[in-house]
Amino acid sequence: MIYVVATTQVKPGQRDTYIAGHKKCIAETRKEKGCLSYEGHTSIHDPDTYVVVERWETRDDLNAHGRAPHMKVWREYSAPLKASPTVIEIISDAKVDIIKA
């Protein structure tokens, strides 16, 4: 399983427009092969910080998502609403044992 955390700083006053556009992207993304979850969230500390949390079955599924037609539309729509580029963290499901010392 692959996890993705994508954080975007939205320009002041553009948050509602950004979220409205992202709702369309969310609906299309959830239909994609391998998408286990895809959700957008707003930071409680900074309402102009928008975080997308995703889970994908495989890296190939995630890569296909990046090439999906609706993602091209989303990138074009969202670009002028961003204060800075989106920071994307991709995390594998490597198992970690917790040891109490």
N, C-alpha and C. Protein backbone atom coordinates (compact mmCIF):
# COMPACT_ATOMS: atom_id res chain seq x y z
N MET A 1 0.85 -1.17 0.00
CA MET A 1 0.00 0.00 0.00
C MET A 1 0.89 1.24 0.00
N ILE A 2 0.42 2.28 -0.68
CA ILE A 2 1.14 3.54 -0.77
C ILE A 2 0.26 4.64 -0.16
N TYR A 3 0.87 5.47 0.67
CA TYR A 3 0.19 6.61 1.26
C TYR A 3 0.77 7.88 0.66
N VAL A 4 -0.06 8.89 0.49
CA VAL A 4 0.39 10.18 -0.01
C VAL A 4 -0.19 11.27 0.88
N VAL A 5 0.66 12.22 1.25
CA VAL A 5 0.21 13.41 1.95
C VAL A 5 0.69 14.60 1.10
N ALA A 6 -0.28 15.34 0.55
CA ALA A 6 0.04 16.48 -0.31
C ALA A 6 -0.45 17.75 0.37
N THR A 7 0.46 18.68 0.62
CA THR A 7 0.13 19.90 1.35
C THR A 7 0.29 21.11 0.42
N THR A 8 -0.76 21.92 0.37
CA THR A 8 -0.76 23.10 -0.49
C THR A 8 -1.09 24.34 0.34
N GLN A 9 -0.31 25.38 0.14
CA GLN A 9 -0.62 26.68 0.73
C GLN A 9 -1.41 27.44 -0.32
N VAL A 10 -2.68 27.72 0.00
CA VAL A 10 -3.59 28.41 -0.92
C VAL A 10 -3.47 29.91 -0.68
N LYS A 11 -3.58 30.69 -1.75
CA LYS A 11 -3.54 32.14 -1.61
C LYS A 11 -4.68 32.62 -0.71
N PRO A 12 -4.41 33.64 0.09
CA PRO A 12 -5.47 34.19 0.96
C PRO A 12 -6.70 34.58 0.12
N GLY A 13 -7.86 34.22 0.63
CA GLY A 13 -9.11 34.54 -0.03
C GLY A 13 -9.51 33.57 -1.14
N GLN A 14 -8.68 32.55 -1.42
CA GLN A 14 -8.95 31.61 -2.50
C GLN A 14 -9.34 30.22 -2.01
N ARG A 15 -9.37 30.02 -0.71
CA ARG A 15 -9.62 28.69 -0.15
C ARG A 15 -10.94 28.07 -0.63
N ASP A 16 -12.03 28.81 -0.57
CA ASP A 16 -13.33 28.25 -0.96
C ASP A 16 -13.35 27.88 -2.44
N THR A 17 -12.73 28.69 -3.28
CA THR A 17 -12.66 28.40 -4.71
C THR A 17 -11.82 27.16 -4.95
N TYR A 18 -10.71 27.06 -4.22
CA TYR A 18 -9.82 25.90 -4.34
C TYR A 18 -10.56 24.62 -3.93
N ILE A 19 -11.23 24.65 -2.80
CA ILE A 19 -11.95 23.47 -2.31
C ILE A 19 -13.09 23.09 -3.25
N ALA A 20 -13.82 24.06 -3.76
CA ALA A 20 -14.92 23.77 -4.69
C ALA A 20 -14.40 23.04 -5.92
N GLY A 21 -13.28 23.48 -6.45
CA GLY A 21 -12.69 22.80 -7.60
C GLY A 21 -12.16 21.43 -7.26
N HIS A 22 -11.62 21.30 -6.07
CA HIS A 22 -11.04 20.01 -5.67
C HIS A 22 -12.12 18.95 -5.46
N LYS A 23 -13.30 19.34 -5.09
CA LYS A 23 -14.39 18.37 -4.91
C LYS A 23 -14.64 17.57 -6.18
N LYS A 24 -14.54 18.22 -7.34
CA LYS A 24 -14.71 17.52 -8.62
C LYS A 24 -13.57 16.52 -8.82
N CYS A 25 -12.37 16.93 -8.49
CA CYS A 25 -11.20 16.06 -8.61
C CYS A 25 -11.33 14.85 -7.67
N ILE A 26 -11.79 15.09 -6.46
CA ILE A 26 -11.97 14.01 -5.49
C ILE A 26 -12.94 12.96 -6.04
N ALA A 27 -14.06 13.42 -6.57
CA ALA A 27 -15.07 12.49 -7.08
C ALA A 27 -14.51 11.61 -8.20
N GLU A 28 -13.74 12.19 -9.11
CA GLU A 28 -13.15 11.42 -10.21
C GLU A 28 -12.04 10.50 -9.72
N THR A 29 -11.23 10.99 -8.80
CA THR A 29 -10.11 10.19 -8.29
C THR A 29 -10.61 8.94 -7.57
N ARG A 30 -11.68 9.06 -6.80
CA ARG A 30 -12.20 7.91 -6.06
C ARG A 30 -12.69 6.79 -6.96
N LYS A 31 -12.92 7.08 -8.24
CA LYS A 31 -13.34 6.06 -9.21
C LYS A 31 -12.14 5.31 -9.82
N GLU A 32 -10.93 5.81 -9.58
CA GLU A 32 -9.76 5.24 -10.23
C GLU A 32 -9.38 3.88 -9.65
N LYS A 33 -8.81 3.05 -10.51
CA LYS A 33 -8.30 1.74 -10.10
C LYS A 33 -7.24 1.93 -9.01
N GLY A 34 -7.39 1.19 -7.93
CA GLY A 34 -6.39 1.20 -6.87
C GLY A 34 -6.54 2.29 -5.83
N CYS A 35 -7.50 3.19 -6.00
CA CYS A 35 -7.70 4.25 -5.01
C CYS A 35 -8.48 3.68 -3.83
N LEU A 36 -7.84 3.65 -2.68
CA LEU A 36 -8.48 3.16 -1.46
C LEU A 36 -9.14 4.29 -0.68
N SER A 37 -8.52 5.46 -0.71
CA SER A 37 -9.12 6.65 -0.10
C SER A 37 -8.41 7.88 -0.65
N TYR A 38 -9.16 8.97 -0.69
CA TYR A 38 -8.64 10.24 -1.22
C TYR A 38 -9.51 11.33 -0.61
N GLU A 39 -8.91 12.12 0.31
CA GLU A 39 -9.68 13.11 1.06
C GLU A 39 -8.91 14.41 1.19
N GLY A 40 -9.64 15.52 1.14
CA GLY A 40 -9.05 16.84 1.35
C GLY A 40 -9.42 17.38 2.71
N HIS A 41 -8.47 18.06 3.34
CA HIS A 41 -8.66 18.61 4.69
C HIS A 41 -8.06 20.00 4.78
N THR A 42 -8.61 20.81 5.68
CA THR A 42 -8.08 22.13 5.94
C THR A 42 -7.42 22.14 7.31
N SER A 43 -6.27 22.76 7.40
CA SER A 43 -5.56 22.85 8.68
C SER A 43 -6.37 23.66 9.69
N ILE A 44 -6.40 23.21 10.94
CA ILE A 44 -7.09 23.98 11.97
C ILE A 44 -6.24 25.17 12.43
N HIS A 45 -4.94 25.12 12.13
CA HIS A 45 -4.04 26.21 12.54
C HIS A 45 -3.93 27.29 11.48
N ASP A 46 -4.12 26.92 10.21
CA ASP A 46 -4.03 27.87 9.10
C ASP A 46 -5.05 27.47 8.05
N PRO A 47 -6.17 28.16 7.98
CA PRO A 47 -7.23 27.76 7.05
C PRO A 47 -6.83 27.81 5.57
N ASP A 48 -5.69 28.41 5.26
CA ASP A 48 -5.21 28.44 3.88
C ASP A 48 -4.24 27.30 3.58
N THR A 49 -4.06 26.40 4.53
CA THR A 49 -3.26 25.20 4.30
C THR A 49 -4.22 24.04 4.05
N TYR A 50 -4.09 23.44 2.87
CA TYR A 50 -4.99 22.37 2.44
C TYR A 50 -4.17 21.10 2.29
N VAL A 51 -4.63 20.02 2.90
CA VAL A 51 -3.89 18.77 2.92
C VAL A 51 -4.75 17.66 2.31
N VAL A 52 -4.18 16.95 1.35
CA VAL A 52 -4.84 15.79 0.76
C VAL A 52 -4.15 14.54 1.29
N VAL A 53 -4.93 13.61 1.80
CA VAL A 53 -4.42 12.34 2.30
C VAL A 53 -4.98 11.24 1.41
N GLU A 54 -4.08 10.44 0.84
CA GLU A 54 -4.47 9.42 -0.14
C GLU A 54 -3.92 8.05 0.27
N ARG A 55 -4.63 7.00 -0.14
CA ARG A 55 -4.12 5.63 0.00
C ARG A 55 -4.35 4.93 -1.33
N TRP A 56 -3.31 4.27 -1.83
CA TRP A 56 -3.34 3.57 -3.11
C TRP A 56 -2.88 2.14 -2.92
N GLU A 57 -3.44 1.22 -3.70
CA GLU A 57 -3.03 -0.19 -3.62
C GLU A 57 -1.58 -0.37 -4.04
N THR A 58 -1.18 0.28 -5.14
CA THR A 58 0.19 0.10 -5.64
C THR A 58 0.76 1.43 -6.13
N ARG A 59 2.07 1.44 -6.30
CA ARG A 59 2.73 2.63 -6.85
C ARG A 59 2.30 2.84 -8.30
N ASP A 60 2.07 1.76 -9.04
CA ASP A 60 1.59 1.88 -10.41
C ASP A 60 0.23 2.58 -10.47
N ASP A 61 -0.65 2.26 -9.52
CA ASP A 61 -1.95 2.92 -9.46
C ASP A 61 -1.77 4.42 -9.20
N LEU A 62 -0.88 4.76 -8.29
CA LEU A 62 -0.61 6.17 -7.99
C LEU A 62 -0.03 6.87 -9.21
N ASN A 63 0.89 6.22 -9.91
CA ASN A 63 1.48 6.82 -11.10
C ASN A 63 0.42 7.06 -12.17
N ALA A 64 -0.50 6.11 -12.34
CA ALA A 64 -1.58 6.28 -13.31
C ALA A 64 -2.47 7.46 -12.91
N HIS A 65 -2.70 7.63 -11.63
CA HIS A 65 -3.49 8.75 -11.12
C HIS A 65 -2.87 10.08 -11.58
N GLY A 66 -1.58 10.18 -11.50
CA GLY A 66 -0.90 11.41 -11.90
C GLY A 66 -1.08 11.74 -13.38
N ARG A 67 -1.35 10.72 -14.18
CA ARG A 67 -1.54 10.91 -15.62
C ARG A 67 -3.01 10.99 -16.03
N ALA A 68 -3.92 10.86 -15.08
CA ALA A 68 -5.36 10.86 -15.39
C ALA A 68 -5.78 12.22 -15.97
N PRO A 69 -6.69 12.20 -16.95
CA PRO A 69 -7.14 13.46 -17.57
C PRO A 69 -7.68 14.48 -16.56
N HIS A 70 -8.42 14.02 -15.56
CA HIS A 70 -8.97 14.98 -14.59
C HIS A 70 -7.88 15.63 -13.74
N MET A 71 -6.73 14.97 -13.62
CA MET A 71 -5.62 15.59 -12.88
C MET A 71 -5.00 16.74 -13.67
N LYS A 72 -4.96 16.62 -14.99
CA LYS A 72 -4.47 17.72 -15.83
C LYS A 72 -5.39 18.92 -15.66
N VAL A 73 -6.70 18.67 -15.69
CA VAL A 73 -7.68 19.75 -15.49
C VAL A 73 -7.49 20.37 -14.11
N TRP A 74 -7.31 19.53 -13.09
CA TRP A 74 -7.14 20.03 -11.72
C TRP A 74 -5.88 20.88 -11.59
N ARG A 75 -4.78 20.42 -12.17
CA ARG A 75 -3.52 21.19 -12.08
C ARG A 75 -3.68 22.57 -12.72
N GLU A 76 -4.34 22.63 -13.88
CA GLU A 76 -4.55 23.91 -14.55
C GLU A 76 -5.47 24.82 -13.75
N TYR A 77 -6.53 24.25 -13.18
CA TYR A 77 -7.48 25.02 -12.38
C TYR A 77 -6.82 25.56 -11.11
N SER A 78 -6.06 24.71 -10.43
CA SER A 78 -5.55 25.06 -9.10
C SER A 78 -4.30 25.94 -9.13
N ALA A 79 -3.55 25.92 -10.20
CA ALA A 79 -2.26 26.64 -10.24
C ALA A 79 -2.37 28.11 -9.85
N PRO A 80 -3.32 28.88 -10.38
CA PRO A 80 -3.36 30.29 -10.00
C PRO A 80 -3.89 30.54 -8.58
N LEU A 81 -4.40 29.50 -7.93
CA LEU A 81 -4.95 29.64 -6.58
C LEU A 81 -3.92 29.33 -5.49
N LYS A 82 -2.76 28.80 -5.89
CA LYS A 82 -1.74 28.39 -4.93
C LYS A 82 -0.77 29.52 -4.61
N ALA A 83 -0.39 29.60 -3.34
CA ALA A 83 0.63 30.55 -2.92
C ALA A 83 2.03 29.99 -3.18
N SER A 84 2.15 28.66 -3.23
CA SER A 84 3.42 27.99 -3.48
C SER A 84 3.13 26.60 -4.02
N PRO A 85 4.14 25.95 -4.60
CA PRO A 85 3.91 24.59 -5.12
C PRO A 85 3.49 23.62 -4.02
N THR A 86 2.72 22.63 -4.40
CA THR A 86 2.29 21.58 -3.48
C THR A 86 3.49 20.73 -3.08
N VAL A 87 3.57 20.40 -1.80
CA VAL A 87 4.61 19.50 -1.29
C VAL A 87 3.97 18.13 -1.16
N ILE A 88 4.56 17.14 -1.83
CA ILE A 88 3.99 15.79 -1.85
C ILE A 88 4.93 14.82 -1.17
N GLU A 89 4.42 14.11 -0.17
CA GLU A 89 5.17 13.08 0.55
C GLU A 89 4.54 11.74 0.20
N ILE A 90 5.35 10.81 -0.33
CA ILE A 90 4.88 9.47 -0.66
C ILE A 90 5.49 8.51 0.36
N ILE A 91 4.63 7.70 0.97
CA ILE A 91 5.05 6.84 2.07
C ILE A 91 4.64 5.41 1.75
N SER A 92 5.57 4.47 1.90
CA SER A 92 5.22 3.06 1.68
C SER A 92 4.65 2.49 2.97
N ASP A 93 4.14 1.28 2.88
CA ASP A 93 3.53 0.67 4.06
C ASP A 93 4.52 -0.22 4.81
N ALA A 94 5.79 0.13 4.76
CA ALA A 94 6.79 -0.67 5.46
C ALA A 94 6.39 -0.81 6.92
N LYS A 95 6.42 -2.03 7.38
CA LYS A 95 6.01 -2.31 8.75
C LYS A 95 7.14 -1.93 9.72
N VAL A 96 6.76 -1.31 10.81
CA VAL A 96 7.72 -0.92 11.83
C VAL A 96 7.26 -1.51 13.15
N ASP A 97 8.16 -2.22 13.81
CA ASP A 97 7.84 -2.77 15.13
C ASP A 97 8.11 -1.70 16.19
N ILE A 98 7.19 -1.53 17.08
CA ILE A 98 7.34 -0.59 18.19
C ILE A 98 7.84 -1.38 19.40
N ILE A 99 8.93 -0.93 19.94
CA ILE A 99 9.52 -1.60 21.10
C ILE A 99 9.51 -0.62 22.26
N LYS A 100 8.93 -1.04 23.38
CA LYS A 100 8.93 -0.21 24.58
C LYS A 100 10.18 -0.52 25.37
N ALA A 101 10.92 0.52 25.69
CA ALA A 101 12.17 0.33 26.46
C ALA A 101 11.96 0.67 27.91
